[in-house]
Amino acid sequence: MSSLSITFFSPPPHQIFRSTPPSSIPFSYTNCSKTPSLTTNIRANNTSKFGSFLHLKPVHKPQTLDFDLPLLHSSDHRPRKFDVVIIGAGPAGIRLAEQVSTYGIKVCCVDPDPLSLWPNNYGVWFDEFEDLDLHDCLDKTWPMTCVYIDDGSAKYLDRSYGRVSRSKLKEKLVGRCISNGVTFHKAKVWKIEHQEFESSILCDDNYELKASLVVDASGFSSDFIDYNTKHRNHGYQIAHGILAEVEEHPFDLDKMVLMDWRDSHLGNEPNLRENNKKRPTFLYAMPFNSNLIFLEETSLVSRPMLSYMEVKRRMEARLRHLGIRVINVLEDEKCLIPMGGSLPRIPQNVLAFGGNSGVVHPSTGYMVARTMALAPVVAGAIVECLGSTRMIRGKQLYAKVWDRLWPIERRFTREFYCFGMETLLKLDLSGSRNFFDAFFDLEPCYWQGFLSSRLSLMELASLCLSLFGHASNLSRFDIVTKCPLPLARMMSNIALESIG
């Protein structure tokens, strides 16, 4: 779910706040321009429709970290050689650079603006970041999460949820990279040429790098990764989010709202309500205090993708119904996450890592915690090859790192999660409510393991049986009538993987 993990694409970020002074906002901003006067925005909002926020402009501007990076200089025209060149300084690229360089491997990270703060907002389960020793990179934690099934039913989940501090996480990872000797180059990669045992990376400033391994961590729009099929058959998660200063809101401060499937806010919007019944959206909310809250209207998965304007209109109607008056927008964000679809061709000369590698959870959109956890695993394979005296390079290197990223067991479980996505694509609002009503009634080991991508294939099969047992008769009817085709496709794909 966009909120869930997330990789976002946005113009400016998304956020709001009220009479709370900037110093008390529970986030860390670096090198921000001076906050505009709130009076102007408040007056503008007083003349607007109650609950409207669409005319407000985000207060905060793009920010950068204050680090003295070890940079390559384009004036030096001699090609520089590295063991690994990583394209992209997003969470995936910086995390892998930090892990690989820990073992003395020579790493260069190439990005047009390596110190810019990520515009994306990331929500994670606290225990996942705690296991990675990254829990100090959360700027807010809620002890419980809440799921509103409908107006008469809610579920309270005893699992802590956190919002990732983009500044803290990037500062920690970049600081470790610098300590480990990672070099950075401010440029955009436009061409990669491969020889038998090394690759040449050509940048838009005409600088050339050479490396034994190239890792593309530049995101979903990468041009350097090949796929087995032109039609990758993605589902799409789309969302609109704002961090907002509000007069008040109705949510408990000790609970993060994971999903709010209620649709009473569309009672006076017959067209929106009818469309929402067919292709539903839910609210994801992080209340920081009584006047500051992150709100995001989310289409869990759709194909073709739901209209972005439709999502914004539903969110506006929801906030109006809840009596949430937006005073100021600190950040706003458009989230678009391709989910599921085919994996990259395995192996190939360039290693994909992050959004373009297929690690996004096909049923939820979660990615950040999983990427953080996979980086040490992939780094281990790289070190085994490039850190040894034998210097395993070329095809053997590519095969080893790809196999460590996508071993056969992980490919099987991904097919199962894709099966979950295909099932969710067939559910309307009623079906979605029934599904999640049964899903969150499962033993915590099942629903927590599923959301965290931790279940084995046998455990996933057990989850399905348990889910069918907990489901209502209507939900069982949905499962029986809508699952056979996705199930057959999953079994076929697993069989092909087995013999491939």
Protein backbone atom coordinates (compact mmCIF):
# COMPACT_ATOMS: atom_id res chain seq x y z
CA MET A 1 0.00 0.00 0.00
CA SER A 2 1.38 3.33 -0.90
CA SER A 3 1.45 4.11 2.67
CA LEU A 4 2.88 0.79 3.33
CA SER A 5 6.12 1.00 1.77
CA ILE A 6 6.28 2.66 -0.93
CA THR A 7 8.06 4.15 -3.64
CA PHE A 8 6.59 7.47 -4.71
CA PHE A 9 6.97 9.87 -7.54
CA SER A 10 6.11 13.43 -6.68
CA PRO A 11 6.45 17.00 -7.73
CA PRO A 12 6.84 18.75 -4.38
CA PRO A 13 6.39 16.63 -1.26
CA HIS A 14 3.15 16.64 0.74
CA GLN A 15 2.44 18.17 4.13
CA ILE A 16 0.44 20.56 6.34
CA PHE A 17 0.53 22.10 9.82
CA ARG A 18 -1.22 24.66 11.94
CA SER A 19 -0.58 26.87 14.97
CA THR A 20 2.11 24.37 15.98
CA PRO A 21 5.43 26.20 15.49
CA PRO A 22 7.80 24.63 12.94
CA SER A 23 10.30 23.70 15.65
CA SER A 24 7.78 21.35 17.23
CA ILE A 25 7.00 19.39 14.08
CA PRO A 26 8.31 15.84 14.61
CA PHE A 27 10.47 15.82 11.49
CA SER A 28 13.93 16.94 10.54
CA TYR A 29 14.30 19.37 7.67
CA THR A 30 17.65 20.59 6.45
CA ASN A 31 18.38 23.76 4.48
CA CYS A 32 14.68 24.61 4.16
CA SER A 33 13.73 27.99 2.80
CA LYS A 34 11.93 30.24 5.23
CA THR A 35 8.36 29.09 5.86
CA PRO A 36 5.84 31.45 4.24
CA SER A 37 3.44 33.30 6.47
CA LEU A 38 0.54 31.10 7.52
CA THR A 39 -1.80 34.09 7.52
CA THR A 40 -1.92 34.18 3.74
CA ASN A 41 -2.85 30.52 3.43
CA ILE A 42 -5.40 30.72 6.27
CA ARG A 43 -7.18 33.66 4.64
CA ALA A 44 -7.22 31.88 1.30
CA ASN A 45 -8.72 28.80 2.90
CA ASN A 46 -11.40 30.78 4.73
CA THR A 47 -12.95 31.69 1.41
CA SER A 48 -12.81 28.15 0.08
CA LYS A 49 -15.16 25.23 0.31
CA PHE A 50 -15.03 23.58 3.76
CA GLY A 51 -12.48 20.80 3.78
CA SER A 52 -10.92 21.75 0.43
CA PHE A 53 -7.14 21.63 0.21
CA LEU A 54 -6.48 21.32 -3.50
CA HIS A 55 -5.70 25.02 -4.02
CA LEU A 56 -3.04 25.12 -1.28
CA LYS A 57 0.61 25.02 -2.29
CA PRO A 58 3.18 23.02 -0.28
CA VAL A 59 5.22 25.09 2.16
CA HIS A 60 8.43 23.09 2.18
CA LYS A 61 10.83 23.02 -0.73
CA PRO A 62 13.28 20.29 -1.79
CA GLN A 63 16.05 19.86 0.77
CA THR A 64 19.61 18.60 0.76
CA LEU A 65 21.92 17.08 3.34
CA ASP A 66 24.96 18.94 4.60
CA PHE A 67 27.82 16.51 3.86
CA ASP A 68 31.27 16.96 2.36
CA LEU A 69 31.05 14.18 -0.21
CA PRO A 70 34.16 12.61 -1.80
CA LEU A 71 33.31 13.53 -5.39
CA LEU A 72 34.86 12.67 -8.72
CA HIS A 73 35.67 15.70 -10.85
CA SER A 74 34.68 15.67 -14.50
CA SER A 75 37.78 17.74 -15.30
CA ASP A 76 39.81 14.55 -14.76
CA HIS A 77 39.32 12.77 -18.07
CA ARG A 78 41.04 9.54 -17.07
CA PRO A 79 38.51 6.68 -16.67
CA ARG A 80 38.28 5.64 -13.02
CA LYS A 81 38.04 1.95 -12.16
CA PHE A 82 35.85 0.57 -9.37
CA ASP A 83 34.72 -2.85 -8.27
CA VAL A 84 31.07 -1.75 -8.24
CA VAL A 85 29.29 1.25 -9.73
CA ILE A 86 25.79 1.87 -8.35
CA ILE A 87 23.40 4.03 -10.35
CA GLY A 88 21.05 5.97 -8.07
CA ALA A 89 21.30 7.43 -4.56
CA GLY A 90 17.81 6.48 -3.42
CA PRO A 91 17.26 4.24 -0.38
CA ALA A 92 18.13 1.08 -2.36
CA GLY A 93 21.32 2.45 -3.92
CA ILE A 94 22.70 4.09 -0.77
CA ARG A 95 21.90 1.05 1.39
CA LEU A 96 23.67 -1.33 -1.01
CA ALA A 97 26.65 1.02 -1.34
CA GLU A 98 26.90 1.16 2.45
CA GLN A 99 26.75 -2.63 2.80
CA VAL A 100 29.16 -3.52 -0.01
CA SER A 101 31.76 -0.91 0.97
CA THR A 102 31.85 -2.25 4.54
CA TYR A 103 34.02 -5.09 3.22
CA GLY A 104 36.58 -2.90 1.48
CA ILE A 105 35.04 -3.18 -1.98
CA LYS A 106 35.67 -0.05 -4.09
CA VAL A 107 32.26 1.53 -4.79
CA CYS A 108 31.15 4.58 -6.75
CA CYS A 109 27.57 5.87 -6.53
CA VAL A 110 26.37 7.94 -9.49
CA ASP A 111 23.43 10.31 -9.08
CA PRO A 112 22.60 13.80 -10.42
CA ASP A 113 21.98 15.06 -6.87
CA PRO A 114 23.29 12.55 -4.31
CA LEU A 115 22.64 14.80 -1.28
CA SER A 116 19.01 15.67 -2.02
CA LEU A 117 16.50 14.33 0.49
CA TRP A 118 14.13 11.75 -0.89
CA PRO A 119 10.69 13.25 -1.61
CA ASN A 120 8.94 10.00 -0.74
CA ASN A 121 7.23 9.18 2.54
CA TYR A 122 7.85 5.70 3.89
CA GLY A 123 5.84 3.83 6.52
CA VAL A 124 7.22 0.62 8.03
CA TRP A 125 6.45 -1.89 10.74
CA PHE A 126 8.59 -1.01 13.75
CA ASP A 127 9.82 -4.58 14.33
CA GLU A 128 11.19 -4.78 10.78
CA PHE A 129 13.36 -1.68 11.19
CA GLU A 130 14.30 -2.79 14.71
CA ASP A 131 15.60 -6.09 13.33
CA LEU A 132 17.78 -4.09 10.91
CA ASP A 133 19.04 -1.77 13.67
CA LEU A 134 17.43 1.14 11.82
CA HIS A 135 14.71 1.96 14.36
CA ASP A 136 16.62 5.13 15.30
CA CYS A 137 15.74 6.37 11.80
CA LEU A 138 12.02 6.60 12.61
CA ASP A 139 10.68 10.02 13.53
CA LYS A 140 7.36 8.77 14.90
CA THR A 141 6.04 5.43 16.13
CA TRP A 142 2.46 4.43 16.89
CA PRO A 143 1.99 1.51 19.33
CA MET A 144 -1.08 0.20 17.48
CA THR A 145 -2.60 0.25 14.02
CA CYS A 146 -6.27 0.43 13.09
CA VAL A 147 -8.30 -0.87 10.14
CA TYR A 148 -11.82 0.46 9.56
CA ILE A 149 -13.77 -2.16 7.65
CA ASP A 150 -16.99 -0.10 7.47
CA ASP A 151 -18.93 2.33 9.66
CA GLY A 152 -19.77 -0.39 12.16
CA SER A 153 -16.59 -2.42 12.29
CA ALA A 154 -12.94 -1.68 13.11
CA LYS A 155 -9.95 -3.86 13.90
CA TYR A 156 -7.12 -2.86 16.24
CA LEU A 157 -3.79 -4.51 15.49
CA ASP A 158 -1.21 -4.92 18.24
CA ARG A 159 1.79 -4.14 16.03
CA SER A 160 3.73 -0.88 16.15
CA TYR A 161 4.08 1.19 13.00
CA GLY A 162 6.57 3.93 12.23
CA ARG A 163 7.22 6.76 9.83
CA VAL A 164 10.73 6.80 8.40
CA SER A 165 12.67 10.01 8.88
CA ARG A 166 14.09 10.56 5.42
CA SER A 167 16.81 12.84 6.76
CA LYS A 168 17.89 10.47 9.57
CA LEU A 169 17.97 7.42 7.32
CA LYS A 170 19.90 9.10 4.53
CA GLU A 171 22.31 10.79 6.98
CA LYS A 172 23.04 7.43 8.60
CA LEU A 173 23.60 5.58 5.34
CA VAL A 174 25.55 8.35 3.58
CA GLY A 175 27.71 8.83 6.70
CA ARG A 176 28.59 5.15 6.69
CA CYS A 177 29.31 5.27 2.95
CA ILE A 178 31.76 8.13 3.45
CA SER A 179 33.44 6.30 6.35
CA ASN A 180 33.76 3.18 4.16
CA GLY A 181 35.40 5.10 1.31
CA VAL A 182 32.50 5.24 -1.18
CA THR A 183 33.08 7.75 -3.99
CA PHE A 184 30.21 9.79 -5.45
CA HIS A 185 29.78 11.26 -8.91
CA LYS A 186 27.18 13.95 -9.64
CA ALA A 187 25.94 12.98 -13.08
CA LYS A 188 23.36 10.98 -14.98
CA VAL A 189 24.31 7.69 -16.60
CA TRP A 190 23.27 7.60 -20.24
CA LYS A 191 25.06 4.56 -21.65
CA ILE A 192 26.61 1.28 -20.46
CA GLU A 193 28.89 -0.86 -22.61
CA HIS A 194 29.91 -4.36 -21.55
CA GLN A 195 33.16 -6.20 -22.13
CA GLU A 196 33.90 -9.75 -20.98
CA PHE A 197 35.02 -8.91 -17.45
CA GLU A 198 34.14 -5.25 -16.96
CA SER A 199 31.69 -2.58 -18.03
CA SER A 200 32.13 1.03 -19.14
CA ILE A 201 29.66 3.55 -17.74
CA LEU A 202 29.33 6.75 -19.76
CA CYS A 203 27.80 9.79 -18.01
CA ASP A 204 26.10 12.88 -19.38
CA ASP A 205 29.17 14.99 -18.45
CA ASN A 206 31.29 12.76 -20.76
CA TYR A 207 32.97 11.15 -17.76
CA GLU A 208 33.71 7.43 -18.07
CA LEU A 209 33.76 4.91 -15.24
CA LYS A 210 34.76 1.27 -15.38
CA ALA A 211 33.50 -1.44 -13.05
CA SER A 212 33.41 -5.20 -12.60
CA LEU A 213 29.72 -4.93 -11.68
CA VAL A 214 27.09 -2.29 -12.47
CA VAL A 215 24.03 -2.08 -10.21
CA ASP A 216 21.01 -0.12 -11.41
CA ALA A 217 19.12 1.25 -8.39
CA SER A 218 17.60 4.18 -10.26
CA GLY A 219 13.96 3.13 -9.83
CA PHE A 220 11.01 1.99 -11.90
CA SER A 221 11.84 4.04 -15.00
CA SER A 222 15.24 2.41 -15.56
CA ASP A 223 16.45 1.95 -19.13
CA PHE A 224 19.28 -0.47 -18.34
CA ILE A 225 17.37 -3.58 -17.22
CA ASP A 226 15.97 -6.16 -19.64
CA TYR A 227 12.74 -8.08 -19.04
CA ASN A 228 11.54 -11.33 -20.52
CA THR A 229 8.40 -9.75 -21.89
CA LYS A 230 7.41 -6.35 -23.24
CA HIS A 231 4.04 -6.58 -21.49
CA ARG A 232 4.97 -6.80 -17.83
CA ASN A 233 1.33 -6.87 -16.69
CA HIS A 234 1.73 -4.62 -13.67
CA GLY A 235 -0.97 -3.68 -11.26
CA TYR A 236 -0.71 -0.07 -10.10
CA GLN A 237 -1.01 1.49 -6.69
CA ILE A 238 -1.83 5.18 -6.91
CA ALA A 239 -2.37 7.62 -4.09
CA HIS A 240 -2.48 11.29 -3.17
CA GLY A 241 -1.03 12.29 0.17
CA ILE A 242 -0.61 15.46 2.21
CA LEU A 243 1.11 16.22 5.47
CA ALA A 244 -1.31 18.79 6.76
CA GLU A 245 -1.85 21.29 9.49
CA VAL A 246 -5.53 21.07 10.38
CA GLU A 247 -7.91 22.68 12.84
CA GLU A 248 -8.67 19.23 14.25
CA HIS A 249 -9.11 15.62 13.20
CA PRO A 250 -11.08 12.67 14.63
CA PHE A 251 -8.28 10.07 14.88
CA ASP A 252 -6.65 8.67 18.04
CA LEU A 253 -3.09 9.90 18.46
CA ASP A 254 -1.79 6.50 19.62
CA LYS A 255 -3.09 4.62 16.56
CA MET A 256 -1.92 4.73 12.99
CA VAL A 257 -4.79 4.19 10.52
CA LEU A 258 -3.57 1.53 8.12
CA MET A 259 -6.81 1.31 6.13
CA ASP A 260 -10.13 3.14 6.32
CA TRP A 261 -12.58 1.51 3.90
CA ARG A 262 -15.61 3.55 5.03
CA ASP A 263 -17.55 5.21 2.21
CA SER A 264 -20.20 7.25 4.03
CA HIS A 265 -18.33 10.38 2.91
CA LEU A 266 -19.58 9.70 -0.63
CA GLY A 267 -23.28 9.74 0.31
CA ASN A 268 -23.84 13.05 -1.49
CA GLU A 269 -21.54 12.14 -4.38
CA PRO A 270 -23.49 9.47 -6.34
CA ASN A 271 -20.98 9.23 -9.20
CA LEU A 272 -17.97 8.99 -6.90
CA ARG A 273 -19.78 6.49 -4.68
CA GLU A 274 -20.72 4.23 -7.57
CA ASN A 275 -17.16 4.28 -8.95
CA ASN A 276 -15.77 3.63 -5.45
CA LYS A 277 -17.97 0.55 -5.09
CA LYS A 278 -16.39 -0.89 -8.22
CA ARG A 279 -12.80 0.30 -7.73
CA PRO A 280 -12.42 1.25 -4.08
CA THR A 281 -9.90 3.49 -2.34
CA PHE A 282 -9.10 3.75 1.36
CA LEU A 283 -7.61 6.38 3.66
CA TYR A 284 -4.20 5.90 5.27
CA ALA A 285 -3.53 8.30 8.13
CA MET A 286 -0.67 9.11 10.50
CA PRO A 287 -1.79 11.48 13.28
CA PHE A 288 1.21 13.27 14.83
CA ASN A 289 -0.72 15.58 17.13
CA SER A 290 -4.17 17.12 17.27
CA ASN A 291 -3.28 19.61 14.52
CA LEU A 292 -0.74 17.77 12.38
CA ILE A 293 -1.58 14.67 10.35
CA PHE A 294 -0.47 12.81 7.25
CA LEU A 295 -3.45 11.80 5.08
CA GLU A 296 -3.33 9.67 1.97
CA GLU A 297 -6.16 8.39 -0.22
CA THR A 298 -4.96 5.14 -1.78
CA SER A 299 -6.01 2.77 -4.52
CA LEU A 300 -4.45 -0.46 -3.27
CA VAL A 301 -4.06 -1.93 -6.73
CA SER A 302 -5.80 -1.36 -10.05
CA ARG A 303 -5.39 -2.25 -13.70
CA PRO A 304 -5.68 -0.01 -15.59
CA MET A 305 -4.66 2.47 -12.94
CA LEU A 306 -7.33 4.61 -11.32
CA SER A 307 -7.42 8.25 -12.37
CA TYR A 308 -5.28 10.44 -10.12
CA MET A 309 -7.94 13.18 -10.20
CA GLU A 310 -10.55 10.63 -9.10
CA VAL A 311 -8.40 9.77 -6.08
CA LYS A 312 -8.01 13.45 -5.16
CA ARG A 313 -11.76 14.09 -5.45
CA ARG A 314 -12.53 11.14 -3.19
CA MET A 315 -10.01 12.41 -0.65
CA GLU A 316 -11.51 15.89 -0.71
CA ALA A 317 -14.99 14.43 -0.09
CA ARG A 318 -13.66 12.27 2.76
CA LEU A 319 -11.97 15.14 4.57
CA ARG A 320 -15.07 17.30 4.19
CA HIS A 321 -17.23 14.53 5.68
CA LEU A 322 -14.80 13.99 8.59
CA GLY A 323 -14.81 17.72 9.33
CA ILE A 324 -11.08 18.04 8.67
CA ARG A 325 -10.31 21.61 7.69
CA VAL A 326 -6.87 21.92 6.13
CA ILE A 327 -5.10 25.13 7.09
CA ASN A 328 -1.72 24.62 5.52
CA VAL A 329 0.02 22.04 3.36
CA LEU A 330 3.61 21.27 4.32
CA GLU A 331 4.08 18.65 1.61
CA ASP A 332 1.97 16.96 -1.02
CA GLU A 333 2.79 13.78 -2.86
CA LYS A 334 1.68 11.76 -5.81
CA CYS A 335 2.36 8.07 -5.37
CA LEU A 336 2.52 5.66 -8.30
CA ILE A 337 3.87 2.16 -7.68
CA PRO A 338 3.98 -0.56 -10.36
CA MET A 339 3.26 -3.85 -8.57
CA GLY A 340 3.72 -7.47 -9.60
CA GLY A 341 4.35 -8.18 -13.24
CA SER A 342 7.29 -10.09 -14.67
CA LEU A 343 10.72 -10.19 -13.07
CA PRO A 344 13.82 -8.93 -14.91
CA ARG A 345 15.63 -11.44 -17.10
CA ILE A 346 17.83 -13.53 -14.80
CA PRO A 347 20.79 -13.27 -15.04
CA GLN A 348 21.98 -10.26 -17.05
CA ASN A 349 25.05 -8.00 -17.04
CA VAL A 350 23.49 -5.22 -14.94
CA LEU A 351 22.06 -6.08 -11.52
CA ALA A 352 18.73 -4.43 -10.71
CA PHE A 353 18.16 -3.44 -7.10
CA GLY A 354 15.15 -1.66 -5.62
CA GLY A 355 12.03 -0.69 -7.52
CA ASN A 356 13.15 -2.05 -10.90
CA SER A 357 14.14 -5.47 -9.50
CA GLY A 358 10.66 -6.79 -8.65
CA VAL A 359 11.07 -6.58 -4.85
CA VAL A 360 7.97 -4.41 -4.39
CA HIS A 361 5.37 -6.49 -2.52
CA PRO A 362 2.86 -7.32 -5.29
CA SER A 363 -0.13 -7.26 -2.92
CA THR A 364 0.67 -4.24 -0.75
CA GLY A 365 3.30 -1.99 -2.33
CA TYR A 366 5.71 -2.44 0.60
CA MET A 367 9.34 -2.17 -0.46
CA VAL A 368 11.63 -0.09 1.77
CA ALA A 369 12.07 -2.47 4.71
CA ARG A 370 12.50 -5.42 2.36
CA THR A 371 15.12 -3.57 0.32
CA MET A 372 17.01 -2.64 3.48
CA ALA A 373 16.97 -6.32 4.51
CA LEU A 374 18.05 -7.67 1.09
CA ALA A 375 21.03 -5.33 0.73
CA PRO A 376 23.30 -7.31 3.12
CA VAL A 377 22.31 -10.54 1.34
CA VAL A 378 23.21 -9.20 -2.10
CA ALA A 379 26.33 -7.51 -0.73
CA GLY A 380 27.47 -10.88 0.59
CA ALA A 381 27.34 -12.38 -2.90
CA ILE A 382 29.28 -9.42 -4.36
CA VAL A 383 31.96 -9.70 -1.67
CA GLU A 384 32.31 -13.46 -2.24
CA CYS A 385 33.18 -12.74 -5.87
CA LEU A 386 35.06 -9.43 -5.86
CA GLY A 387 36.56 -9.69 -2.40
CA SER A 388 38.23 -13.04 -3.04
CA THR A 389 41.73 -13.58 -4.38
CA ARG A 390 40.21 -15.43 -7.34
CA MET A 391 38.26 -12.33 -8.44
CA ILE A 392 35.21 -14.04 -9.90
CA ARG A 393 33.95 -11.71 -12.63
CA GLY A 394 31.91 -11.70 -15.81
CA LYS A 395 29.10 -14.22 -16.28
CA GLN A 396 29.89 -16.11 -13.07
CA LEU A 397 29.63 -12.89 -11.05
CA TYR A 398 26.36 -11.86 -12.68
CA ALA A 399 24.81 -15.28 -12.15
CA LYS A 400 25.83 -15.37 -8.48
CA VAL A 401 24.48 -11.94 -7.52
CA TRP A 402 21.22 -12.43 -9.41
CA ASP A 403 20.73 -15.84 -7.81
CA ARG A 404 21.30 -14.33 -4.36
CA LEU A 405 18.71 -11.62 -5.08
CA TRP A 406 16.18 -14.04 -6.59
CA PRO A 407 16.81 -17.64 -5.47
CA ILE A 408 14.23 -20.10 -6.72
CA GLU A 409 12.36 -20.22 -3.38
CA ARG A 410 11.92 -16.44 -3.38
CA ARG A 411 10.65 -16.53 -6.95
CA PHE A 412 8.06 -19.12 -5.91
CA THR A 413 6.80 -17.01 -3.01
CA ARG A 414 6.68 -13.94 -5.25
CA GLU A 415 4.36 -15.84 -7.58
CA PHE A 416 2.11 -16.43 -4.59
CA TYR A 417 2.10 -12.73 -3.70
CA CYS A 418 1.30 -11.94 -7.34
CA PHE A 419 -1.61 -14.37 -7.02
CA GLY A 420 -2.76 -12.26 -4.07
CA MET A 421 -2.54 -9.12 -6.20
CA GLU A 422 -4.52 -10.69 -9.05
CA THR A 423 -7.21 -11.68 -6.55
CA LEU A 424 -7.37 -8.18 -5.06
CA LEU A 425 -7.74 -6.73 -8.56
CA LYS A 426 -11.02 -8.61 -8.90
CA LEU A 427 -12.56 -7.39 -5.64
CA ASP A 428 -15.02 -4.51 -5.42
CA LEU A 429 -15.56 -2.51 -2.21
CA SER A 430 -17.71 -5.18 -0.60
CA GLY A 431 -15.25 -7.90 -1.54
CA SER A 432 -12.29 -5.89 -0.26
CA ARG A 433 -14.02 -5.30 3.07
CA ASN A 434 -14.87 -8.97 3.45
CA PHE A 435 -11.33 -9.99 2.51
CA PHE A 436 -9.57 -7.72 5.01
CA ASP A 437 -12.13 -8.50 7.69
CA ALA A 438 -11.06 -12.15 7.43
CA PHE A 439 -7.37 -11.40 6.77
CA PHE A 440 -6.83 -9.44 9.98
CA ASP A 441 -8.68 -12.12 11.97
CA LEU A 442 -5.92 -14.59 11.14
CA GLU A 443 -3.24 -15.55 13.62
CA PRO A 444 -0.73 -12.64 13.77
CA CYS A 445 2.04 -14.88 12.43
CA TYR A 446 0.08 -15.16 9.17
CA TRP A 447 -0.97 -11.57 8.48
CA GLN A 448 2.27 -10.12 9.82
CA GLY A 449 4.35 -12.61 7.83
CA PHE A 450 2.38 -11.92 4.66
CA LEU A 451 2.73 -8.13 4.91
CA SER A 452 6.46 -8.50 5.65
CA SER A 453 7.18 -11.05 2.85
CA ARG A 454 8.50 -13.52 5.44
CA LEU A 455 6.33 -16.58 4.74
CA SER A 456 7.56 -19.71 2.98
CA LEU A 457 5.51 -21.31 0.22
CA MET A 458 4.09 -23.89 2.66
CA GLU A 459 3.22 -21.16 5.15
CA LEU A 460 1.47 -19.21 2.41
CA ALA A 461 -0.57 -22.30 1.53
CA SER A 462 -1.53 -22.64 5.21
CA LEU A 463 -2.50 -18.97 5.26
CA CYS A 464 -4.89 -19.54 2.35
CA LEU A 465 -6.60 -22.43 4.12
CA SER A 466 -6.89 -20.41 7.32
CA LEU A 467 -8.20 -17.40 5.41
CA PHE A 468 -10.89 -19.52 3.77
CA GLY A 469 -11.89 -20.82 7.20
CA HIS A 470 -12.18 -17.30 8.67
CA ALA A 471 -13.97 -15.82 5.66
CA SER A 472 -17.68 -15.06 5.53
CA ASN A 473 -19.86 -16.98 3.09
CA LEU A 474 -19.83 -13.99 0.72
CA SER A 475 -16.05 -13.82 0.88
CA ARG A 476 -15.78 -17.56 0.27
CA PHE A 477 -18.01 -17.13 -2.77
CA ASP A 478 -15.66 -14.40 -4.02
CA ILE A 479 -12.66 -16.66 -3.48
CA VAL A 480 -14.26 -19.64 -5.24
CA THR A 481 -15.48 -17.62 -8.23
CA LYS A 482 -12.63 -15.15 -8.70
CA CYS A 483 -9.49 -17.07 -7.71
CA PRO A 484 -9.34 -20.05 -10.11
CA LEU A 485 -7.77 -18.18 -13.05
CA PRO A 486 -5.10 -16.35 -10.97
CA LEU A 487 -4.45 -19.64 -9.12
CA ALA A 488 -3.96 -21.52 -12.39
CA ARG A 489 -1.62 -18.79 -13.64
CA MET A 490 0.40 -18.96 -10.43
CA MET A 491 0.76 -22.75 -10.62
CA SER A 492 1.79 -22.51 -14.27
CA ASN A 493 4.42 -19.86 -13.50
CA ILE A 494 5.82 -21.90 -10.60
CA ALA A 495 6.04 -24.97 -12.85
CA LEU A 496 7.90 -22.94 -15.50
CA GLU A 497 10.30 -21.59 -12.86
CA SER A 498 10.93 -25.14 -11.65
CA ILE A 499 11.97 -26.46 -15.03
CA GLY A 500 13.67 -23.23 -16.12
